[in-house]
């Protein structure tokens, strides 16, 4: 009887371990400072691209030299956890922790693009023919994520809609305070949709300059823009959040903001400002 109980306990422990342990796949670390395109595993002539004004990425036919299709690689270490960040060469946009496209605002690290919350794991398929983007929190045991409302994230291509890059969300915890890997492991062999390919790219020596006629200044807690009639204006916080997005009919525009550092984007040009 005791042997039977002991065996049952071992079985229960094994089941619990299976439920609450994460399958660890081999990760791919691309070369820091190099440029890559991410091809579709299903349609190799298509690569991932983003454009100003979009909040998601899309797949389109590869055009050599198209900066909107090219990604620069950064990596970093946080509490001994290594992860990868990718920043679009043409737009300076990134994927945030919700899998959406936001402005790269990592000014604290000289605009390097390796803000921790925007870090990703490139997990390899069994045959190493493809990778999937999985948010790095799946490997870093941060207790604050052990709540049902916080979701784990993959980047994936919708079946039948391989021109769209979609954040795939799943429960990170079913019970408050308990990290549950059940949903992660259920999707463990899926969504290996991308094939990295290194490319040659030489960025402009003076990228993303504002038009010489545009003037941006700060006065009385507001960002003042001159000569911006008919232009698209975006103001971002340093963590990539959109603060203001307008297309102005006025030559002069005043945007009130709180104290802080902002990235102001006028059409395709950007400038950082400090409001104090």
Protein backbone atom coordinates (compact mmCIF):
# COMPACT_ATOMS: atom_id res chain seq x y z
CA UNK A 1 0.00 0.00 0.00
CA UNK A 2 2.81 2.37 0.95
CA UNK A 3 4.60 1.56 -2.30
CA UNK A 4 1.44 2.34 -4.26
CA UNK A 5 1.02 5.69 -2.49
CA UNK A 6 4.69 6.50 -3.08
CA UNK A 7 4.34 5.67 -6.78
CA UNK A 8 1.24 7.84 -7.04
CA UNK A 9 3.09 10.74 -5.44
CA UNK A 10 5.92 10.41 -7.92
CA UNK A 11 3.43 10.43 -10.78
CA UNK A 12 1.76 13.56 -9.38
CA UNK A 13 5.13 15.29 -9.06
CA UNK A 14 5.97 14.36 -12.65
CA UNK A 15 2.65 15.74 -13.90
CA UNK A 16 3.13 18.95 -11.91
CA UNK A 17 6.64 19.35 -13.31
CA UNK A 18 5.31 18.90 -16.84
CA UNK A 19 2.64 21.54 -16.27
CA UNK A 20 4.91 24.11 -14.69
CA UNK A 21 8.16 23.69 -16.58
CA UNK A 22 8.99 25.32 -19.87
CA UNK A 23 10.44 23.48 -22.81
CA UNK A 24 13.80 25.04 -23.56
CA UNK A 25 14.56 25.29 -27.25
CA UNK A 26 17.90 26.26 -28.71
CA UNK A 27 18.07 29.99 -29.26
CA UNK A 28 19.61 31.79 -32.21
CA UNK A 29 21.77 34.83 -31.50
CA UNK A 30 22.37 36.94 -34.58
CA UNK A 31 25.52 39.03 -34.93
CA UNK A 32 25.33 42.26 -32.96
CA UNK A 33 25.59 45.37 -35.14
CA UNK A 34 24.84 43.45 -38.36
CA UNK A 35 21.78 43.81 -40.58
CA UNK A 36 19.23 41.12 -41.44
CA UNK A 37 15.98 40.54 -43.26
CA UNK A 38 13.45 38.03 -41.93
CA UNK A 39 12.03 35.92 -44.75
CA UNK A 40 8.72 34.08 -44.64
CA UNK A 41 9.23 30.35 -44.14
CA UNK A 42 6.23 29.79 -46.43
CA UNK A 43 7.03 32.36 -49.14
CA UNK A 44 10.82 32.92 -49.17
CA UNK A 45 10.58 35.86 -51.58
CA UNK A 46 8.72 37.86 -48.91
CA UNK A 47 10.36 39.58 -45.93
CA UNK A 48 9.11 41.42 -42.85
CA UNK A 49 8.76 45.19 -43.27
CA UNK A 50 7.27 48.11 -41.35
CA UNK A 51 6.33 51.64 -42.34
CA UNK A 52 5.62 54.87 -40.49
CA UNK A 53 2.09 54.99 -39.15
CA UNK A 54 1.69 51.19 -38.94
CA UNK A 55 1.35 49.42 -35.60
CA UNK A 56 1.98 45.96 -37.04
CA UNK A 57 4.49 44.57 -39.53
CA UNK A 58 3.71 42.95 -42.87
CA UNK A 59 5.38 40.63 -45.35
CA UNK A 60 6.24 41.97 -48.80
CA UNK A 61 8.42 41.08 -51.77
CA UNK A 62 12.09 41.55 -50.96
CA UNK A 63 13.75 44.56 -52.58
CA UNK A 64 17.53 44.70 -51.91
CA UNK A 65 18.45 47.93 -50.13
CA UNK A 66 14.90 48.75 -48.99
CA UNK A 67 15.62 50.03 -45.47
CA UNK A 68 12.05 49.37 -44.32
CA UNK A 69 12.74 45.65 -44.78
CA UNK A 70 16.09 45.68 -42.98
CA UNK A 71 16.67 45.18 -39.25
CA UNK A 72 19.72 46.00 -37.14
CA UNK A 73 20.61 43.57 -34.37
CA UNK A 74 21.33 44.50 -30.76
CA UNK A 75 21.69 42.29 -27.72
CA UNK A 76 22.08 42.87 -24.02
CA UNK A 77 22.26 41.19 -20.63
CA UNK A 78 19.84 41.69 -17.77
CA UNK A 79 20.20 39.67 -14.57
CA UNK A 80 22.33 37.19 -16.56
CA UNK A 81 19.52 36.77 -19.12
CA UNK A 82 20.61 37.44 -22.68
CA UNK A 83 18.10 38.46 -25.32
CA UNK A 84 17.98 40.06 -28.76
CA UNK A 85 16.53 43.35 -29.92
CA UNK A 86 15.83 44.29 -33.53
CA UNK A 87 15.39 47.87 -34.76
CA UNK A 88 14.12 48.71 -38.23
CA UNK A 89 16.84 50.46 -40.24
CA UNK A 90 14.46 52.66 -42.21
CA UNK A 91 12.07 53.88 -39.53
CA UNK A 92 13.86 53.35 -36.19
CA UNK A 93 10.77 51.42 -35.05
CA UNK A 94 10.76 48.33 -32.83
CA UNK A 95 8.47 45.59 -31.46
CA UNK A 96 7.33 46.31 -27.90
CA UNK A 97 6.33 43.75 -25.25
CA UNK A 98 2.82 43.58 -26.74
CA UNK A 99 4.18 42.65 -30.15
CA UNK A 100 3.19 46.03 -31.61
CA UNK A 101 5.33 48.51 -33.53
CA UNK A 102 6.46 51.57 -31.55
CA UNK A 103 9.13 54.25 -31.78
CA UNK A 104 12.55 53.24 -30.49
CA UNK A 105 12.99 55.63 -27.58
CA UNK A 106 15.91 54.09 -25.71
CA UNK A 107 17.75 57.38 -25.20
CA UNK A 108 19.18 56.17 -21.87
CA UNK A 109 21.48 53.85 -23.82
CA UNK A 110 22.42 56.30 -26.58
CA UNK A 111 19.46 55.24 -28.72
CA UNK A 112 21.00 51.78 -29.11
CA UNK A 113 17.65 50.01 -29.25
CA UNK A 114 18.25 47.43 -26.52
CA UNK A 115 15.60 48.51 -24.04
CA UNK A 116 14.89 45.39 -21.98
CA UNK A 117 11.12 45.31 -22.44
CA UNK A 118 11.58 45.22 -26.19
CA UNK A 119 13.82 42.14 -26.06
CA UNK A 120 13.01 38.88 -27.85
CA UNK A 121 14.22 35.31 -28.02
CA UNK A 122 14.76 33.83 -31.47
CA UNK A 123 13.88 30.20 -30.79
CA UNK A 124 14.88 27.64 -33.40
CA UNK A 125 12.72 24.90 -34.88
CA UNK A 126 13.79 21.28 -34.44
CA UNK A 127 15.63 21.21 -37.77
CA UNK A 128 16.89 24.80 -37.30
CA UNK A 129 15.34 25.83 -40.59
CA UNK A 130 13.33 28.69 -39.05
CA UNK A 131 12.88 30.79 -35.92
CA UNK A 132 10.02 32.30 -34.00
CA UNK A 133 10.04 35.51 -32.00
CA UNK A 134 9.11 34.84 -28.38
CA UNK A 135 9.18 37.64 -25.80
CA UNK A 136 12.12 37.27 -23.43
CA UNK A 137 9.92 37.26 -20.30
CA UNK A 138 9.13 33.64 -21.14
CA UNK A 139 12.66 32.80 -20.00
CA UNK A 140 13.13 35.40 -17.28
CA UNK A 141 11.27 34.50 -14.08
CA UNK A 142 9.89 37.94 -13.27
CA UNK A 143 7.27 37.51 -10.52
CA UNK A 144 5.25 40.51 -11.63
CA UNK A 145 4.19 38.60 -14.74
CA UNK A 146 2.53 35.86 -12.69
CA UNK A 147 -0.94 37.35 -13.14
CA UNK A 148 -3.70 36.11 -15.49
CA UNK A 149 -4.01 39.46 -17.27
CA UNK A 150 -0.40 39.34 -18.48
CA UNK A 151 -0.08 37.36 -21.68
CA UNK A 152 2.85 35.58 -23.26
CA UNK A 153 3.62 36.64 -26.82
CA UNK A 154 4.88 35.07 -30.05
CA UNK A 155 5.13 36.88 -33.36
CA UNK A 156 3.54 34.77 -36.05
CA UNK A 157 2.05 34.76 -39.54
CA UNK A 158 -1.68 34.13 -39.76
CA UNK A 159 -2.51 30.91 -41.62
CA UNK A 160 -3.82 31.93 -45.02
CA UNK A 161 -2.76 35.52 -44.41
CA UNK A 162 0.99 35.27 -44.74
CA UNK A 163 1.33 38.94 -45.56
CA UNK A 164 0.54 39.91 -41.96
CA UNK A 165 2.69 39.64 -38.84
CA UNK A 166 0.46 39.08 -35.83
CA UNK A 167 1.11 38.99 -32.08
CA UNK A 168 -0.07 35.60 -30.78
CA UNK A 169 -1.12 35.85 -27.13
CA UNK A 170 -1.59 33.07 -24.60
CA UNK A 171 -1.99 32.87 -20.79
CA UNK A 172 1.21 33.26 -18.81
CA UNK A 173 -0.59 32.41 -15.56
CA UNK A 174 -4.01 30.95 -14.85
CA UNK A 175 -3.91 31.56 -11.10
CA UNK A 176 -2.54 34.75 -9.54
CA UNK A 177 1.03 34.30 -8.35
CA UNK A 178 1.61 30.96 -10.10
CA UNK A 179 3.56 30.85 -13.38
CA UNK A 180 1.84 28.23 -15.53
CA UNK A 181 3.67 26.91 -18.61
CA UNK A 182 0.77 24.80 -19.84
CA UNK A 183 -0.24 27.17 -22.64
CA UNK A 184 3.39 27.83 -23.56
CA UNK A 185 4.17 24.13 -23.90
CA UNK A 186 0.95 23.54 -25.82
CA UNK A 187 2.31 25.86 -28.54
CA UNK A 188 5.91 24.72 -28.15
CA UNK A 189 6.29 23.29 -31.65
CA UNK A 190 4.31 25.97 -33.51
CA UNK A 191 4.86 29.35 -35.14
CA UNK A 192 8.36 28.96 -36.56
CA UNK A 193 7.55 31.34 -39.38
CA UNK A 194 10.72 33.34 -40.08
CA UNK A 195 14.10 32.67 -41.70
CA UNK A 196 16.86 35.22 -40.92
CA UNK A 197 19.20 36.22 -43.74
CA UNK A 198 22.13 38.61 -43.25
CA UNK A 199 22.34 41.46 -45.76
CA UNK A 200 24.75 44.28 -46.52
CA UNK A 201 23.46 47.72 -45.60
CA UNK A 202 25.15 51.10 -45.15
CA UNK A 203 22.91 53.60 -43.38
CA UNK A 204 22.92 57.23 -44.41
CA UNK A 205 25.58 59.27 -42.63
CA UNK A 206 22.87 61.72 -41.55
CA UNK A 207 19.68 59.66 -41.12
CA UNK A 208 16.22 60.99 -40.40
CA UNK A 209 17.09 64.69 -40.41
CA UNK A 210 14.25 67.17 -40.20
CA UNK A 211 13.62 69.40 -43.17
CA UNK A 212 15.85 72.47 -42.78
CA UNK A 213 12.79 74.76 -42.81
CA UNK A 214 11.25 73.07 -39.76
CA UNK A 215 12.05 74.49 -36.34
CA UNK A 216 11.31 72.73 -33.05
CA UNK A 217 11.64 74.47 -29.70
CA UNK A 218 10.32 74.18 -26.15
CA UNK A 219 8.43 76.91 -24.33
CA UNK A 220 6.30 76.91 -21.15
CA UNK A 221 5.81 73.15 -21.00
CA UNK A 222 4.97 72.80 -24.71
CA UNK A 223 6.77 71.60 -27.81
CA UNK A 224 6.54 74.32 -30.46
CA UNK A 225 6.83 73.40 -34.15
CA UNK A 226 7.19 75.97 -36.92
CA UNK A 227 6.72 75.55 -40.69
CA UNK A 228 4.80 72.26 -40.35
CA UNK A 229 1.61 72.96 -42.33
CA UNK A 230 0.15 69.76 -43.83
CA UNK A 231 2.72 67.51 -42.13
CA UNK A 232 2.33 64.35 -40.03
CA UNK A 233 3.51 64.98 -36.47
CA UNK A 234 4.16 62.22 -33.93
CA UNK A 235 5.42 62.74 -30.39
CA UNK A 236 6.75 59.71 -28.51
CA UNK A 237 7.93 59.20 -24.94
CA UNK A 238 11.34 57.61 -24.41
CA UNK A 239 9.69 54.23 -23.76
CA UNK A 240 8.04 54.34 -27.19
CA UNK A 241 4.52 55.36 -26.14
CA UNK A 242 2.64 57.60 -28.58
CA UNK A 243 1.87 60.93 -26.87
CA UNK A 244 0.41 62.91 -29.77
CA UNK A 245 -0.34 62.08 -33.40
CA UNK A 246 -1.76 64.75 -35.73
CA UNK A 247 -1.69 66.05 -39.27
CA UNK A 248 -1.70 69.80 -38.93
CA UNK A 249 -3.16 72.43 -41.23
CA UNK A 250 -1.34 75.13 -39.28
CA UNK A 251 2.13 76.47 -39.92
CA UNK A 252 2.76 76.66 -36.17
CA UNK A 253 1.74 73.89 -33.78
CA UNK A 254 1.99 73.88 -29.97
CA UNK A 255 1.83 70.53 -28.15
CA UNK A 256 1.61 70.66 -24.32
CA UNK A 257 3.48 67.82 -22.57
CA UNK A 258 4.76 66.85 -19.13
CA UNK A 259 8.41 67.28 -18.16
CA UNK A 260 10.61 64.67 -19.80
CA UNK A 261 12.50 63.59 -22.92
CA UNK A 262 10.55 63.10 -26.15
CA UNK A 263 11.14 62.01 -29.73
CA UNK A 264 9.36 64.33 -32.16
CA UNK A 265 8.78 62.93 -35.63
CA UNK A 266 7.74 65.23 -38.49
CA UNK A 267 7.02 63.20 -41.62
CA UNK A 268 10.16 60.98 -41.80
CA UNK A 269 12.51 63.23 -39.81
CA UNK A 270 13.06 62.98 -36.06
CA UNK A 271 14.46 65.15 -33.30
CA UNK A 272 14.81 64.60 -29.55
CA UNK A 273 13.69 67.37 -27.20
CA UNK A 274 13.91 67.87 -23.44
CA UNK A 275 11.03 69.58 -21.66
CA UNK A 276 11.87 70.83 -18.17
